[in-house]
Amino acid sequence: MNTGSDEPGEVAVAADNADKASKTDTAAGAEQSERELGSRAPAFIKARRALHLSWQVGVFVVGLAVVVAGIIMLPLPGPGWVVIFGGMAIWATEFVWAQLVLRWTKRKVTEAAQKALDPRVRRRNITLTVIGLVIVGVLVGVYLWKFGIVMPWKIKDQ
């Protein structure tokens, strides 16, 4: 591009080239972060085998405690799945298998979110929900018409 030129076509071409270069750099950075698998321990820990092994054991134990707490929270009040994925994220700082599981999970959640936003799928889900609620309402109405409201305990009027 010529700095003295006022041609709009040249400015647009230069802007397109700059956009393509920045998108390429961003894509390369994303691919590089996607490809980085393995330990994220500091270099001085990785340099010593015994220290690195004890680091991995510590990360595994902490991650296991968090995952077990999440599993306990599944039937009890609490954010069970969030805590489980937090434990997986702790494991993913050190173990490749956990990194791969988290990538797979993120990909599936993103796909499910995209599917849920599809207007046809939303319309279908809303229709099925309404039909289900109508069926439940009819069944409850028939039950109440036939049997009335019967309390499970006997309370006598005083």
C-alpha atoms as a PDB file:
ATOM      1  CA  MET A   1       0.000   0.000   0.000  1.00  0.00           C
ATOM      2  CA  ASN A   2       1.224   3.426  -0.856  1.00  0.00           C
ATOM      3  CA  THR A   3       1.035   5.974   1.982  1.00  0.00           C
ATOM      4  CA  GLY A   4       0.398   8.819  -0.454  1.00  0.00           C
ATOM      5  CA  SER A   5      -2.431   6.982  -2.213  1.00  0.00           C
ATOM      6  CA  ASP A   6      -6.050   7.719  -1.413  1.00  0.00           C
ATOM      7  CA  GLU A   7      -7.438   4.755  -3.330  1.00  0.00           C
ATOM      8  CA  PRO A   8     -10.096   2.986  -1.228  1.00  0.00           C
ATOM      9  CA  GLY A   9      -9.389  -0.349  -2.902  1.00  0.00           C
ATOM     10  CA  GLU A  10      -5.790  -0.352  -1.685  1.00  0.00           C
ATOM     11  CA  VAL A  11      -6.856   0.431   1.880  1.00  0.00           C
ATOM     12  CA  ALA A  12      -9.395  -2.401   1.838  1.00  0.00           C
ATOM     13  CA  VAL A  13      -6.829  -4.895   0.507  1.00  0.00           C
ATOM     14  CA  ALA A  14      -4.329  -3.867   3.183  1.00  0.00           C
ATOM     15  CA  ALA A  15      -6.987  -4.186   5.908  1.00  0.00           C
ATOM     16  CA  ASP A  16      -7.999  -7.638   4.615  1.00  0.00           C
ATOM     17  CA  ASN A  17      -4.373  -8.773   4.638  1.00  0.00           C
ATOM     18  CA  ALA A  18      -3.914  -7.482   8.199  1.00  0.00           C
ATOM     19  CA  ASP A  19      -7.101  -9.291   9.301  1.00  0.00           C
ATOM     20  CA  LYS A  20      -5.945 -12.541   7.684  1.00  0.00           C
ATOM     21  CA  ALA A  21      -2.549 -12.267   9.376  1.00  0.00           C
ATOM     22  CA  SER A  22      -4.086 -11.661  12.811  1.00  0.00           C
ATOM     23  CA  LYS A  23      -6.556 -14.546  12.328  1.00  0.00           C
ATOM     24  CA  THR A  24      -3.681 -16.821  11.317  1.00  0.00           C
ATOM     25  CA  ASP A  25      -1.683 -15.792  14.402  1.00  0.00           C
ATOM     26  CA  THR A  26      -4.715 -16.340  16.638  1.00  0.00           C
ATOM     27  CA  ALA A  27      -5.449 -19.720  15.073  1.00  0.00           C
ATOM     28  CA  ALA A  28      -1.819 -20.775  15.453  1.00  0.00           C
ATOM     29  CA  GLY A  29      -1.856 -19.717  19.104  1.00  0.00           C
ATOM     30  CA  ALA A  30      -5.094 -21.635  19.722  1.00  0.00           C
ATOM     31  CA  GLU A  31      -3.728 -24.742  18.006  1.00  0.00           C
ATOM     32  CA  GLN A  32      -0.522 -24.510  20.011  1.00  0.00           C
ATOM     33  CA  SER A  33      -2.429 -24.287  23.300  1.00  0.00           C
ATOM     34  CA  GLU A  34      -4.642 -27.164  22.114  1.00  0.00           C
ATOM     35  CA  ARG A  35      -1.597 -29.318  21.355  1.00  0.00           C
ATOM     36  CA  GLU A  36       0.184 -28.701  24.637  1.00  0.00           C
ATOM     37  CA  LEU A  37      -0.411 -31.851  26.621  1.00  0.00           C
ATOM     38  CA  GLY A  38       1.399 -32.992  29.702  1.00  0.00           C
ATOM     39  CA  SER A  39       2.603 -31.628  32.980  1.00  0.00           C
ATOM     40  CA  ARG A  40       2.283 -27.959  33.802  1.00  0.00           C
ATOM     41  CA  ALA A  41       4.548 -28.262  36.806  1.00  0.00           C
ATOM     42  CA  PRO A  42       7.273 -25.632  37.204  1.00  0.00           C
ATOM     43  CA  ALA A  43      10.560 -26.388  35.456  1.00  0.00           C
ATOM     44  CA  PHE A  44      12.532 -26.884  38.685  1.00  0.00           C
ATOM     45  CA  ILE A  45      10.056 -29.604  39.713  1.00  0.00           C
ATOM     46  CA  LYS A  46      10.192 -31.315  36.320  1.00  0.00           C
ATOM     47  CA  ALA A  47      13.988 -31.301  36.465  1.00  0.00           C
ATOM     48  CA  ARG A  48      14.087 -33.648  39.468  1.00  0.00           C
ATOM     49  CA  ARG A  49      12.379 -37.010  38.977  1.00  0.00           C
ATOM     50  CA  ALA A  50      11.602 -37.698  42.651  1.00  0.00           C
ATOM     51  CA  LEU A  51      10.209 -34.195  43.154  1.00  0.00           C
ATOM     52  CA  HIS A  52       8.120 -34.460  39.998  1.00  0.00           C
ATOM     53  CA  LEU A  53       6.735 -37.839  41.050  1.00  0.00           C
ATOM     54  CA  SER A  54       5.800 -36.506  44.486  1.00  0.00           C
ATOM     55  CA  TRP A  55       4.223 -33.459  42.778  1.00  0.00           C
ATOM     56  CA  GLN A  56       2.116 -35.788  40.603  1.00  0.00           C
ATOM     57  CA  VAL A  57       1.048 -37.818  43.635  1.00  0.00           C
ATOM     58  CA  GLY A  58       0.038 -34.623  45.421  1.00  0.00           C
ATOM     59  CA  VAL A  59      -1.946 -33.362  42.430  1.00  0.00           C
ATOM     60  CA  PHE A  60      -3.636 -36.751  42.107  1.00  0.00           C
ATOM     61  CA  VAL A  61      -4.595 -36.843  45.788  1.00  0.00           C
ATOM     62  CA  VAL A  62      -5.972 -33.286  45.776  1.00  0.00           C
ATOM     63  CA  GLY A  63      -7.884 -33.939  42.532  1.00  0.00           C
ATOM     64  CA  LEU A  64      -9.229 -37.202  43.928  1.00  0.00           C
ATOM     65  CA  ALA A  65     -10.448 -35.460  47.093  1.00  0.00           C
ATOM     66  CA  VAL A  66     -12.261 -32.837  45.015  1.00  0.00           C
ATOM     67  CA  VAL A  67     -13.822 -35.453  42.696  1.00  0.00           C
ATOM     68  CA  VAL A  68     -14.966 -37.566  45.663  1.00  0.00           C
ATOM     69  CA  ALA A  69     -16.487 -34.452  47.267  1.00  0.00           C
ATOM     70  CA  GLY A  70     -18.336 -33.790  43.993  1.00  0.00           C
ATOM     71  CA  ILE A  71     -19.603 -37.369  43.847  1.00  0.00           C
ATOM     72  CA  ILE A  72     -20.850 -37.035  47.419  1.00  0.00           C
ATOM     73  CA  MET A  73     -22.622 -33.800  46.435  1.00  0.00           C
ATOM     74  CA  LEU A  74     -24.524 -35.469  43.581  1.00  0.00           C
ATOM     75  CA  PRO A  75     -27.316 -36.863  45.798  1.00  0.00           C
ATOM     76  CA  LEU A  76     -26.841 -34.199  48.481  1.00  0.00           C
ATOM     77  CA  PRO A  77     -27.310 -30.435  48.164  1.00  0.00           C
ATOM     78  CA  GLY A  78     -24.404 -28.835  46.406  1.00  0.00           C
ATOM     79  CA  PRO A  79     -22.902 -28.258  42.964  1.00  0.00           C
ATOM     80  CA  GLY A  80     -21.808 -31.873  42.397  1.00  0.00           C
ATOM     81  CA  TRP A  81     -20.997 -31.775  38.686  1.00  0.00           C
ATOM     82  CA  VAL A  82     -19.201 -28.439  38.935  1.00  0.00           C
ATOM     83  CA  VAL A  83     -16.992 -29.809  41.718  1.00  0.00           C
ATOM     84  CA  ILE A  84     -16.315 -33.019  39.767  1.00  0.00           C
ATOM     85  CA  PHE A  85     -15.199 -31.022  36.727  1.00  0.00           C
ATOM     86  CA  GLY A  86     -13.105 -28.852  39.038  1.00  0.00           C
ATOM     87  CA  GLY A  87     -11.320 -31.986  40.239  1.00  0.00           C
ATOM     88  CA  MET A  88     -10.817 -33.049  36.630  1.00  0.00           C
ATOM     89  CA  ALA A  89      -9.312 -29.622  35.926  1.00  0.00           C
ATOM     90  CA  ILE A  90      -6.910 -30.131  38.834  1.00  0.00           C
ATOM     91  CA  TRP A  91      -5.904 -33.499  37.384  1.00  0.00           C
ATOM     92  CA  ALA A  92      -5.570 -31.914  33.929  1.00  0.00           C
ATOM     93  CA  THR A  93      -2.764 -29.697  35.207  1.00  0.00           C
ATOM     94  CA  GLU A  94      -0.616 -32.813  35.427  1.00  0.00           C
ATOM     95  CA  PHE A  95      -2.109 -35.759  33.527  1.00  0.00           C
ATOM     96  CA  VAL A  96      -2.660 -36.074  29.782  1.00  0.00           C
ATOM     97  CA  TRP A  97      -5.667 -38.404  30.143  1.00  0.00           C
ATOM     98  CA  ALA A  98      -7.510 -35.771  32.192  1.00  0.00           C
ATOM     99  CA  GLN A  99      -6.655 -33.095  29.627  1.00  0.00           C
ATOM    100  CA  LEU A 100      -8.113 -35.260  26.872  1.00  0.00           C
ATOM    101  CA  VAL A 101     -11.263 -35.966  28.910  1.00  0.00           C
ATOM    102  CA  LEU A 102     -11.749 -32.244  29.550  1.00  0.00           C
ATOM    103  CA  ARG A 103     -11.262 -31.411  25.868  1.00  0.00           C
ATOM    104  CA  TRP A 104     -13.797 -34.056  24.883  1.00  0.00           C
ATOM    105  CA  THR A 105     -16.244 -32.750  27.510  1.00  0.00           C
ATOM    106  CA  LYS A 106     -15.829 -29.135  26.396  1.00  0.00           C
ATOM    107  CA  ARG A 107     -16.400 -30.150  22.774  1.00  0.00           C
ATOM    108  CA  LYS A 108     -19.563 -32.113  23.645  1.00  0.00           C
ATOM    109  CA  VAL A 109     -20.956 -29.310  25.824  1.00  0.00           C
ATOM    110  CA  THR A 110     -20.334 -26.790  23.042  1.00  0.00           C
ATOM    111  CA  GLU A 111     -22.055 -29.060  20.505  1.00  0.00           C
ATOM    112  CA  ALA A 112     -25.037 -29.553  22.840  1.00  0.00           C
ATOM    113  CA  ALA A 113     -25.304 -25.801  23.404  1.00  0.00           C
ATOM    114  CA  GLN A 114     -25.280 -25.179  19.651  1.00  0.00           C
ATOM    115  CA  LYS A 115     -27.961 -27.845  19.143  1.00  0.00           C
ATOM    116  CA  ALA A 116     -30.098 -26.363  21.911  1.00  0.00           C
ATOM    117  CA  LEU A 117     -29.980 -22.959  20.239  1.00  0.00           C
ATOM    118  CA  ASP A 118     -31.269 -24.380  16.945  1.00  0.00           C
ATOM    119  CA  PRO A 119     -34.810 -22.982  16.478  1.00  0.00           C
ATOM    120  CA  ARG A 120     -36.217 -26.294  15.217  1.00  0.00           C
ATOM    121  CA  VAL A 121     -34.842 -28.196  18.229  1.00  0.00           C
ATOM    122  CA  ARG A 122     -36.145 -25.546  20.644  1.00  0.00           C
ATOM    123  CA  ARG A 123     -39.578 -25.648  19.016  1.00  0.00           C
ATOM    124  CA  ARG A 124     -39.628 -29.451  19.251  1.00  0.00           C
ATOM    125  CA  ASN A 125     -38.543 -29.400  22.914  1.00  0.00           C
ATOM    126  CA  ILE A 126     -41.172 -26.803  23.819  1.00  0.00           C
ATOM    127  CA  THR A 127     -43.864 -28.797  21.997  1.00  0.00           C
ATOM    128  CA  LEU A 128     -42.901 -32.036  23.753  1.00  0.00           C
ATOM    129  CA  THR A 129     -42.835 -30.266  27.124  1.00  0.00           C
ATOM    130  CA  VAL A 130     -46.306 -28.798  26.588  1.00  0.00           C
ATOM    131  CA  ILE A 131     -47.682 -32.194  25.490  1.00  0.00           C
ATOM    132  CA  GLY A 132     -46.114 -33.838  28.554  1.00  0.00           C
ATOM    133  CA  LEU A 133     -47.579 -31.207  30.899  1.00  0.00           C
ATOM    134  CA  VAL A 134     -51.039 -31.615  29.337  1.00  0.00           C
ATOM    135  CA  ILE A 135     -50.863 -35.406  29.797  1.00  0.00           C
ATOM    136  CA  VAL A 136     -49.768 -35.031  33.438  1.00  0.00           C
ATOM    137  CA  GLY A 137     -52.511 -32.461  34.038  1.00  0.00           C
ATOM    138  CA  VAL A 138     -55.174 -34.768  32.568  1.00  0.00           C
ATOM    139  CA  LEU A 139     -53.939 -37.705  34.672  1.00  0.00           C
ATOM    140  CA  VAL A 140     -53.952 -35.614  37.867  1.00  0.00           C
ATOM    141  CA  GLY A 141     -57.454 -34.322  36.997  1.00  0.00           C
ATOM    142  CA  VAL A 142     -58.788 -37.849  36.405  1.00  0.00           C
ATOM    143  CA  TYR A 143     -57.254 -39.047  39.681  1.00  0.00           C
ATOM    144  CA  LEU A 144     -58.746 -36.164  41.647  1.00  0.00           C
ATOM    145  CA  TRP A 145     -62.158 -36.630  39.959  1.00  0.00           C
ATOM    146  CA  LYS A 146     -62.187 -40.344  40.752  1.00  0.00           C
ATOM    147  CA  PHE A 147     -60.642 -40.391  44.254  1.00  0.00           C
ATOM    148  CA  GLY A 148     -60.712 -36.809  45.460  1.00  0.00           C
ATOM    149  CA  ILE A 149     -58.053 -35.374  47.727  1.00  0.00           C
ATOM    150  CA  VAL A 150     -57.191 -38.006  50.307  1.00  0.00           C
ATOM    151  CA  MET A 151     -54.622 -37.137  52.928  1.00  0.00           C
ATOM    152  CA  PRO A 152     -52.191 -39.897  53.853  1.00  0.00           C
ATOM    153  CA  TRP A 153     -52.943 -39.359  57.559  1.00  0.00           C
ATOM    154  CA  LYS A 154     -56.209 -39.348  59.414  1.00  0.00           C
ATOM    155  CA  ILE A 155     -57.099 -36.099  61.136  1.00  0.00           C
ATOM    156  CA  LYS A 156     -60.387 -36.052  62.954  1.00  0.00           C
ATOM    157  CA  ASP A 157     -62.342 -32.844  63.330  1.00  0.00           C
ATOM    158  CA  GLN A 158     -62.477 -31.742  66.932  1.00  0.00           C
END
